[in-house]
Amino acid sequence: MAKTRHSKHKRTGHPKVSLSTPEKYRLVITYPGDPTTRHFTTSDLAQARTIARRNANTGARVDFQHHQGWGRYTTTRTYQPGD
């Protein structure tokens, strides 16, 4: 029996990651006295601003970051408690 380069069984698919809509905005949330930082990413600007203001009003420092590509983010605004 001759070997063929075509498989006789069905190959399973690979999970696909959509790169067309990356998470454009990231929030780095830090509460005073808490050593852990919280990260929140979204592609919705209005949702990111709302969550940043809500956390700043509860006493957190929030760094608002924009995605620059290849996993790099730049901080564009910092929300302080009471802003």
N, C-alpha and C. Protein backbone atom coordinates (compact mmCIF):
# COMPACT_ATOMS: atom_id res chain seq x y z
N MET A 1 0.84 -1.17 0.00
CA MET A 1 0.00 0.00 0.00
C MET A 1 0.89 1.23 0.00
N ALA A 2 0.60 2.13 -0.90
CA ALA A 2 1.41 3.33 -1.05
C ALA A 2 1.00 4.39 -0.03
N LYS A 3 1.99 5.09 0.51
CA LYS A 3 1.71 6.17 1.43
C LYS A 3 1.31 7.41 0.66
N THR A 4 0.33 8.11 1.19
CA THR A 4 -0.07 9.37 0.57
C THR A 4 0.21 10.50 1.55
N ARG A 5 0.31 11.68 1.02
CA ARG A 5 0.54 12.82 1.88
C ARG A 5 -0.76 13.39 2.42
N HIS A 6 -1.89 12.85 1.97
CA HIS A 6 -3.18 13.31 2.44
C HIS A 6 -3.63 12.45 3.61
N SER A 7 -4.14 13.10 4.61
CA SER A 7 -4.56 12.39 5.80
C SER A 7 -5.90 11.70 5.57
N LYS A 8 -6.04 10.52 6.13
CA LYS A 8 -7.28 9.76 5.98
C LYS A 8 -8.26 10.10 7.11
N HIS A 9 -7.82 10.83 8.11
CA HIS A 9 -8.71 11.19 9.22
C HIS A 9 -8.93 12.70 9.23
N LYS A 10 -9.99 13.08 9.88
CA LYS A 10 -10.30 14.51 9.94
C LYS A 10 -9.38 15.18 10.94
N ARG A 11 -8.81 16.29 10.54
CA ARG A 11 -7.93 17.03 11.43
C ARG A 11 -8.75 17.99 12.28
N THR A 12 -8.36 18.11 13.52
CA THR A 12 -9.08 19.02 14.39
C THR A 12 -8.60 20.45 14.12
N GLY A 13 -9.51 21.38 14.30
CA GLY A 13 -9.18 22.77 14.04
C GLY A 13 -8.40 23.37 15.19
N HIS A 14 -7.78 24.47 14.93
CA HIS A 14 -7.04 25.20 15.94
C HIS A 14 -7.87 26.40 16.38
N PRO A 15 -7.82 26.74 17.66
CA PRO A 15 -8.58 27.91 18.09
C PRO A 15 -8.03 29.17 17.43
N LYS A 16 -8.91 30.02 16.98
CA LYS A 16 -8.49 31.22 16.29
C LYS A 16 -8.64 32.41 17.22
N VAL A 17 -7.66 33.27 17.21
CA VAL A 17 -7.70 34.49 17.98
C VAL A 17 -7.93 35.63 17.01
N SER A 18 -8.96 36.40 17.27
CA SER A 18 -9.26 37.52 16.39
C SER A 18 -8.31 38.67 16.69
N LEU A 19 -7.53 39.06 15.71
CA LEU A 19 -6.61 40.17 15.88
C LEU A 19 -7.18 41.46 15.27
N SER A 20 -8.36 41.35 14.67
CA SER A 20 -8.92 42.53 14.03
C SER A 20 -9.49 43.52 15.04
N THR A 21 -9.95 43.05 16.19
CA THR A 21 -10.48 43.95 17.21
C THR A 21 -9.78 43.68 18.54
N PRO A 22 -8.58 44.18 18.70
CA PRO A 22 -7.88 43.95 19.96
C PRO A 22 -8.48 44.82 21.05
N GLU A 23 -8.13 44.52 22.26
CA GLU A 23 -8.57 45.34 23.38
C GLU A 23 -7.82 46.66 23.30
N LYS A 24 -8.52 47.73 22.99
CA LYS A 24 -7.89 49.01 22.69
C LYS A 24 -7.53 49.82 23.93
N TYR A 25 -8.26 49.61 25.02
CA TYR A 25 -8.06 50.42 26.21
C TYR A 25 -7.82 49.52 27.42
N ARG A 26 -6.91 49.95 28.27
CA ARG A 26 -6.62 49.19 29.49
C ARG A 26 -6.62 50.16 30.66
N LEU A 27 -7.21 49.72 31.76
CA LEU A 27 -7.22 50.50 32.99
C LEU A 27 -6.39 49.75 34.02
N VAL A 28 -5.46 50.47 34.65
CA VAL A 28 -4.67 49.91 35.74
C VAL A 28 -5.17 50.61 37.00
N ILE A 29 -5.86 49.85 37.85
CA ILE A 29 -6.55 50.41 39.01
C ILE A 29 -5.78 50.04 40.27
N THR A 30 -5.42 51.07 41.05
CA THR A 30 -4.66 50.87 42.29
C THR A 30 -5.38 51.57 43.43
N TYR A 31 -5.71 50.79 44.47
CA TYR A 31 -6.32 51.37 45.67
C TYR A 31 -5.23 51.59 46.71
N PRO A 32 -5.30 52.70 47.47
CA PRO A 32 -4.28 52.95 48.49
C PRO A 32 -4.37 51.89 49.60
N GLY A 33 -3.22 51.42 50.01
CA GLY A 33 -3.16 50.39 51.05
C GLY A 33 -3.33 48.97 50.53
N ASP A 34 -3.61 48.80 49.25
CA ASP A 34 -3.77 47.47 48.65
C ASP A 34 -2.59 47.22 47.73
N PRO A 35 -1.79 46.19 47.99
CA PRO A 35 -0.59 45.97 47.17
C PRO A 35 -0.89 45.45 45.76
N THR A 36 -2.09 44.92 45.52
CA THR A 36 -2.39 44.37 44.20
C THR A 36 -2.96 45.45 43.29
N THR A 37 -2.67 45.33 42.01
CA THR A 37 -3.26 46.23 41.02
C THR A 37 -4.26 45.42 40.21
N ARG A 38 -5.31 46.08 39.80
CA ARG A 38 -6.33 45.44 38.99
C ARG A 38 -6.21 45.96 37.57
N HIS A 39 -6.40 45.07 36.61
CA HIS A 39 -6.34 45.44 35.20
C HIS A 39 -7.70 45.18 34.58
N PHE A 40 -8.16 46.11 33.77
CA PHE A 40 -9.42 45.97 33.05
C PHE A 40 -9.17 46.39 31.61
N THR A 41 -9.49 45.53 30.66
CA THR A 41 -9.30 45.85 29.25
C THR A 41 -10.64 45.78 28.53
N THR A 42 -10.82 46.67 27.57
CA THR A 42 -12.03 46.70 26.76
C THR A 42 -11.73 47.42 25.46
N SER A 43 -12.61 47.23 24.49
CA SER A 43 -12.47 47.96 23.23
C SER A 43 -13.51 49.07 23.13
N ASP A 44 -14.30 49.27 24.19
CA ASP A 44 -15.34 50.29 24.22
C ASP A 44 -14.85 51.49 25.03
N LEU A 45 -14.68 52.63 24.36
CA LEU A 45 -14.15 53.83 25.01
C LEU A 45 -15.09 54.36 26.09
N ALA A 46 -16.38 54.39 25.82
CA ALA A 46 -17.34 54.90 26.80
C ALA A 46 -17.35 54.05 28.06
N GLN A 47 -17.29 52.74 27.90
CA GLN A 47 -17.26 51.85 29.06
C GLN A 47 -15.97 52.04 29.86
N ALA A 48 -14.85 52.21 29.18
CA ALA A 48 -13.58 52.41 29.86
C ALA A 48 -13.59 53.71 30.67
N ARG A 49 -14.12 54.79 30.10
CA ARG A 49 -14.19 56.06 30.82
C ARG A 49 -15.11 55.97 32.03
N THR A 50 -16.24 55.30 31.87
CA THR A 50 -17.20 55.15 32.97
C THR A 50 -16.58 54.39 34.13
N ILE A 51 -15.91 53.30 33.84
CA ILE A 51 -15.30 52.49 34.90
C ILE A 51 -14.14 53.24 35.54
N ALA A 52 -13.39 54.00 34.76
CA ALA A 52 -12.29 54.78 35.33
C ALA A 52 -12.82 55.83 36.30
N ARG A 53 -13.87 56.56 35.90
CA ARG A 53 -14.44 57.57 36.79
C ARG A 53 -15.07 56.94 38.03
N ARG A 54 -15.75 55.82 37.87
CA ARG A 54 -16.39 55.16 39.00
C ARG A 54 -15.36 54.69 40.03
N ASN A 55 -14.25 54.13 39.57
CA ASN A 55 -13.21 53.68 40.50
C ASN A 55 -12.48 54.86 41.13
N ALA A 56 -12.29 55.94 40.39
CA ALA A 56 -11.64 57.12 40.95
C ALA A 56 -12.51 57.76 42.02
N ASN A 57 -13.82 57.72 41.85
CA ASN A 57 -14.72 58.27 42.86
C ASN A 57 -14.75 57.44 44.13
N THR A 58 -14.39 56.16 44.05
CA THR A 58 -14.35 55.31 45.25
C THR A 58 -12.98 55.34 45.91
N GLY A 59 -12.05 56.15 45.40
CA GLY A 59 -10.77 56.33 46.07
C GLY A 59 -9.59 55.65 45.41
N ALA A 60 -9.71 55.22 44.17
CA ALA A 60 -8.62 54.53 43.49
C ALA A 60 -7.87 55.48 42.55
N ARG A 61 -6.64 55.13 42.28
CA ARG A 61 -5.85 55.82 41.25
C ARG A 61 -5.93 54.95 40.00
N VAL A 62 -6.36 55.55 38.89
CA VAL A 62 -6.60 54.79 37.66
C VAL A 62 -5.74 55.36 36.55
N ASP A 63 -4.92 54.51 35.93
CA ASP A 63 -4.14 54.88 34.75
C ASP A 63 -4.90 54.42 33.51
N PHE A 64 -5.27 55.37 32.65
CA PHE A 64 -6.00 55.09 31.42
C PHE A 64 -4.97 54.91 30.31
N GLN A 65 -4.94 53.73 29.70
CA GLN A 65 -3.92 53.42 28.70
C GLN A 65 -4.54 53.06 27.36
N HIS A 66 -3.87 53.48 26.28
CA HIS A 66 -4.28 53.15 24.91
C HIS A 66 -3.34 52.09 24.35
N HIS A 67 -3.89 51.17 23.59
CA HIS A 67 -3.11 50.10 22.98
C HIS A 67 -2.33 50.64 21.79
N GLN A 68 -1.03 50.36 21.74
CA GLN A 68 -0.18 50.84 20.65
C GLN A 68 0.21 49.72 19.69
N GLY A 69 -0.18 48.51 19.97
CA GLY A 69 0.17 47.38 19.12
C GLY A 69 1.28 46.55 19.74
N TRP A 70 1.24 45.26 19.46
CA TRP A 70 2.25 44.32 19.92
C TRP A 70 2.37 44.30 21.45
N GLY A 71 1.24 44.43 22.13
CA GLY A 71 1.22 44.33 23.58
C GLY A 71 1.73 45.55 24.31
N ARG A 72 1.91 46.66 23.61
CA ARG A 72 2.40 47.88 24.25
C ARG A 72 1.24 48.83 24.51
N TYR A 73 1.24 49.44 25.68
CA TYR A 73 0.22 50.41 26.05
C TYR A 73 0.92 51.69 26.50
N THR A 74 0.30 52.83 26.21
CA THR A 74 0.83 54.10 26.70
C THR A 74 -0.24 54.77 27.55
N THR A 75 0.18 55.33 28.67
CA THR A 75 -0.74 56.00 29.58
C THR A 75 -1.07 57.38 29.02
N THR A 76 -2.35 57.64 28.83
CA THR A 76 -2.77 58.93 28.29
C THR A 76 -3.39 59.83 29.36
N ARG A 77 -3.95 59.25 30.39
CA ARG A 77 -4.55 60.04 31.45
C ARG A 77 -4.49 59.25 32.75
N THR A 78 -4.35 59.98 33.85
CA THR A 78 -4.38 59.37 35.17
C THR A 78 -5.50 60.02 35.97
N TYR A 79 -6.41 59.19 36.44
CA TYR A 79 -7.52 59.65 37.27
C TYR A 79 -7.09 59.51 38.73
N GLN A 80 -7.20 60.58 39.47
CA GLN A 80 -6.90 60.59 40.90
C GLN A 80 -8.21 60.52 41.69
N PRO A 81 -8.16 60.09 42.94
CA PRO A 81 -9.39 60.07 43.73
C PRO A 81 -10.01 61.46 43.82
N GLY A 82 -11.28 61.54 43.53
CA GLY A 82 -12.00 62.81 43.57
C GLY A 82 -12.05 63.54 42.24
N ASP A 83 -11.48 62.97 41.16
CA ASP A 83 -11.54 63.63 39.83
C ASP A 83 -12.92 63.53 39.25
